[in-house]
Amino acid sequence: MSVDGTWDLTITTPVGRLRPTVRITGEGGELTGTALGAGEEVELTDLALDGDRLTWRQAVTRPMRLDLAFDLTVEGDRMAGTSRAGRLPASSVVARRRTDDGSAEANGDRN
């Protein structure tokens, strides 16, 4: 299963929805990635795909300083799961892989 590409995420948090973009590549069997959102670009760490389960960590400073842990299930060009920041409650995450023309799958909408 390939997770390469640009993914548009929607993270539903208690303070509203966040819509970052994640870019993932799997060159040489090793996954690497970056997240873009809230005016910053951060590296994804501990990025791993185990079957259909994709996990990673990232540190952000906006809208506040947080260390996030993502745990998503991949189904083709869609992913769903959670993001957790320390002891805070988990936030729901859905994602769609962009097509070659830059739009999100499923009629170009973002959820």
C-alpha atoms as a PDB file:
ATOM      1  CA  MET A   1       0.000   0.000   0.000  1.00  0.00           C
ATOM      2  CA  SER A   2       1.355   3.397  -0.942  1.00  0.00           C
ATOM      3  CA  VAL A   3       0.769   6.510   1.128  1.00  0.00           C
ATOM      4  CA  ASP A   4       2.920   8.725  -1.107  1.00  0.00           C
ATOM      5  CA  GLY A   5       1.403  12.044  -2.028  1.00  0.00           C
ATOM      6  CA  THR A   6      -0.110  15.205  -0.652  1.00  0.00           C
ATOM      7  CA  TRP A   7      -2.913  14.759   1.851  1.00  0.00           C
ATOM      8  CA  ASP A   8      -5.444  17.402   2.932  1.00  0.00           C
ATOM      9  CA  LEU A   9      -6.324  16.810   6.590  1.00  0.00           C
ATOM     10  CA  THR A  10      -9.226  18.051   8.656  1.00  0.00           C
ATOM     11  CA  ILE A  11      -8.603  17.846  12.398  1.00  0.00           C
ATOM     12  CA  THR A  12     -11.681  18.470  14.534  1.00  0.00           C
ATOM     13  CA  THR A  13     -10.520  19.916  17.863  1.00  0.00           C
ATOM     14  CA  PRO A  14     -12.445  21.397  20.804  1.00  0.00           C
ATOM     15  CA  VAL A  15     -11.437  24.875  19.561  1.00  0.00           C
ATOM     16  CA  GLY A  16     -12.429  24.328  15.917  1.00  0.00           C
ATOM     17  CA  ARG A  17     -11.265  22.656  12.735  1.00  0.00           C
ATOM     18  CA  LEU A  18      -7.679  22.767  11.538  1.00  0.00           C
ATOM     19  CA  ARG A  19      -6.833  22.036   7.895  1.00  0.00           C
ATOM     20  CA  PRO A  20      -3.140  21.249   7.482  1.00  0.00           C
ATOM     21  CA  THR A  21      -1.556  19.547   4.494  1.00  0.00           C
ATOM     22  CA  VAL A  22       0.806  16.586   4.828  1.00  0.00           C
ATOM     23  CA  ARG A  23       3.298  15.490   2.155  1.00  0.00           C
ATOM     24  CA  ILE A  24       4.603  11.921   2.373  1.00  0.00           C
ATOM     25  CA  THR A  25       7.180  10.142   0.221  1.00  0.00           C
ATOM     26  CA  GLY A  26       8.431   6.591   0.451  1.00  0.00           C
ATOM     27  CA  GLU A  27      11.764   6.559  -1.343  1.00  0.00           C
ATOM     28  CA  GLY A  28      13.940   3.505  -0.830  1.00  0.00           C
ATOM     29  CA  GLY A  29      11.410   1.919   1.500  1.00  0.00           C
ATOM     30  CA  GLU A  30      11.741   4.708   4.084  1.00  0.00           C
ATOM     31  CA  LEU A  31       8.848   7.093   4.705  1.00  0.00           C
ATOM     32  CA  THR A  32       9.521  10.799   5.134  1.00  0.00           C
ATOM     33  CA  GLY A  33       7.124  13.688   5.358  1.00  0.00           C
ATOM     34  CA  THR A  34       6.311  17.264   6.247  1.00  0.00           C
ATOM     35  CA  ALA A  35       3.201  19.011   7.509  1.00  0.00           C
ATOM     36  CA  LEU A  36       2.197  22.509   6.431  1.00  0.00           C
ATOM     37  CA  GLY A  37      -0.314  24.629   8.291  1.00  0.00           C
ATOM     38  CA  ALA A  38      -0.800  27.724  10.433  1.00  0.00           C
ATOM     39  CA  GLY A  39       2.128  29.387   8.680  1.00  0.00           C
ATOM     40  CA  GLU A  40       4.709  26.746   9.557  1.00  0.00           C
ATOM     41  CA  GLU A  41       6.261  23.655   7.986  1.00  0.00           C
ATOM     42  CA  VAL A  42       7.334  20.823  10.297  1.00  0.00           C
ATOM     43  CA  GLU A  43       8.966  17.449   9.801  1.00  0.00           C
ATOM     44  CA  LEU A  44       7.029  14.276  10.530  1.00  0.00           C
ATOM     45  CA  THR A  45       8.967  11.969  12.849  1.00  0.00           C
ATOM     46  CA  ASP A  46       8.509   8.279  13.680  1.00  0.00           C
ATOM     47  CA  LEU A  47       6.564   7.964  10.403  1.00  0.00           C
ATOM     48  CA  ALA A  48       5.533   4.329   9.965  1.00  0.00           C
ATOM     49  CA  LEU A  49       3.110   2.264   7.913  1.00  0.00           C
ATOM     50  CA  ASP A  50       2.097  -1.104   9.359  1.00  0.00           C
ATOM     51  CA  GLY A  51      -0.480  -2.740   7.104  1.00  0.00           C
ATOM     52  CA  ASP A  52      -3.169  -0.068   6.725  1.00  0.00           C
ATOM     53  CA  ARG A  53      -2.163   1.803   9.899  1.00  0.00           C
ATOM     54  CA  LEU A  54      -0.139   5.020   9.421  1.00  0.00           C
ATOM     55  CA  THR A  55       1.382   6.728  12.459  1.00  0.00           C
ATOM     56  CA  TRP A  56       3.627   9.742  12.977  1.00  0.00           C
ATOM     57  CA  ARG A  57       4.585  12.476  15.406  1.00  0.00           C
ATOM     58  CA  GLN A  58       5.089  16.178  14.852  1.00  0.00           C
ATOM     59  CA  ALA A  59       5.791  19.241  16.957  1.00  0.00           C
ATOM     60  CA  VAL A  60       3.907  22.467  16.236  1.00  0.00           C
ATOM     61  CA  THR A  61       4.109  25.970  17.660  1.00  0.00           C
ATOM     62  CA  ARG A  62       0.879  27.382  16.195  1.00  0.00           C
ATOM     63  CA  PRO A  63      -1.801  27.900  17.332  1.00  0.00           C
ATOM     64  CA  MET A  64       0.089  26.744  20.446  1.00  0.00           C
ATOM     65  CA  ARG A  65       3.160  24.644  21.226  1.00  0.00           C
ATOM     66  CA  LEU A  66       2.126  20.982  21.107  1.00  0.00           C
ATOM     67  CA  ASP A  67       3.650  17.574  20.425  1.00  0.00           C
ATOM     68  CA  LEU A  68       1.117  15.653  18.348  1.00  0.00           C
ATOM     69  CA  ALA A  69       0.802  11.899  17.755  1.00  0.00           C
ATOM     70  CA  PHE A  70      -1.268  10.756  14.757  1.00  0.00           C
ATOM     71  CA  ASP A  71      -2.793   7.285  14.312  1.00  0.00           C
ATOM     72  CA  LEU A  72      -4.739   6.825  11.071  1.00  0.00           C
ATOM     73  CA  THR A  73      -6.177   3.972   9.036  1.00  0.00           C
ATOM     74  CA  VAL A  74      -5.537   4.251   5.286  1.00  0.00           C
ATOM     75  CA  GLU A  75      -8.226   3.199   2.815  1.00  0.00           C
ATOM     76  CA  GLY A  76      -7.070   4.032  -0.710  1.00  0.00           C
ATOM     77  CA  ASP A  77      -7.104   7.817  -1.092  1.00  0.00           C
ATOM     78  CA  ARG A  78      -8.673   8.429   2.320  1.00  0.00           C
ATOM     79  CA  MET A  79      -7.481   8.181   5.899  1.00  0.00           C
ATOM     80  CA  ALA A  80      -9.287   8.487   9.213  1.00  0.00           C
ATOM     81  CA  GLY A  81      -8.233   8.280  12.824  1.00  0.00           C
ATOM     82  CA  THR A  82      -7.042  10.489  15.652  1.00  0.00           C
ATOM     83  CA  SER A  83      -4.460  13.025  16.703  1.00  0.00           C
ATOM     84  CA  ARG A  84      -3.487  13.306  20.344  1.00  0.00           C
ATOM     85  CA  ALA A  85      -1.570  16.055  22.137  1.00  0.00           C
ATOM     86  CA  GLY A  86      -0.222  14.677  25.408  1.00  0.00           C
ATOM     87  CA  ARG A  87      -2.992  14.183  27.949  1.00  0.00           C
ATOM     88  CA  LEU A  88      -5.555  16.184  25.987  1.00  0.00           C
ATOM     89  CA  PRO A  89      -8.509  14.295  24.507  1.00  0.00           C
ATOM     90  CA  ALA A  90      -7.964  12.800  21.057  1.00  0.00           C
ATOM     91  CA  SER A  91      -9.125  14.853  18.080  1.00  0.00           C
ATOM     92  CA  SER A  92     -10.816  13.280  15.064  1.00  0.00           C
ATOM     93  CA  VAL A  93      -8.799  13.357  11.817  1.00  0.00           C
ATOM     94  CA  VAL A  94      -9.945  12.686   8.254  1.00  0.00           C
ATOM     95  CA  ALA A  95      -7.772  13.072   5.173  1.00  0.00           C
ATOM     96  CA  ARG A  96      -7.974  12.860   1.400  1.00  0.00           C
ATOM     97  CA  ARG A  97      -5.098  12.402  -0.990  1.00  0.00           C
ATOM     98  CA  ARG A  98      -4.854  15.072  -3.673  1.00  0.00           C
ATOM     99  CA  THR A  99      -5.143  14.073  -7.309  1.00  0.00           C
ATOM    100  CA  ASP A 100      -2.495  14.996  -9.868  1.00  0.00           C
ATOM    101  CA  ASP A 101      -4.284  18.268 -10.589  1.00  0.00           C
ATOM    102  CA  GLY A 102      -3.948  19.354  -6.939  1.00  0.00           C
ATOM    103  CA  SER A 103      -7.569  18.905  -5.944  1.00  0.00           C
ATOM    104  CA  ALA A 104      -8.773  16.586  -3.196  1.00  0.00           C
ATOM    105  CA  GLU A 105     -10.490  13.381  -4.222  1.00  0.00           C
ATOM    106  CA  ALA A 106     -14.278  13.131  -4.212  1.00  0.00           C
ATOM    107  CA  ASN A 107     -15.412  16.174  -6.176  1.00  0.00           C
ATOM    108  CA  GLY A 108     -12.560  18.366  -5.033  1.00  0.00           C
ATOM    109  CA  ASP A 109     -14.022  19.067  -1.611  1.00  0.00           C
ATOM    110  CA  ARG A 110     -12.053  18.983   1.621  1.00  0.00           C
ATOM    111  CA  ASN A 111     -14.676  17.154   3.770  1.00  0.00           C
END
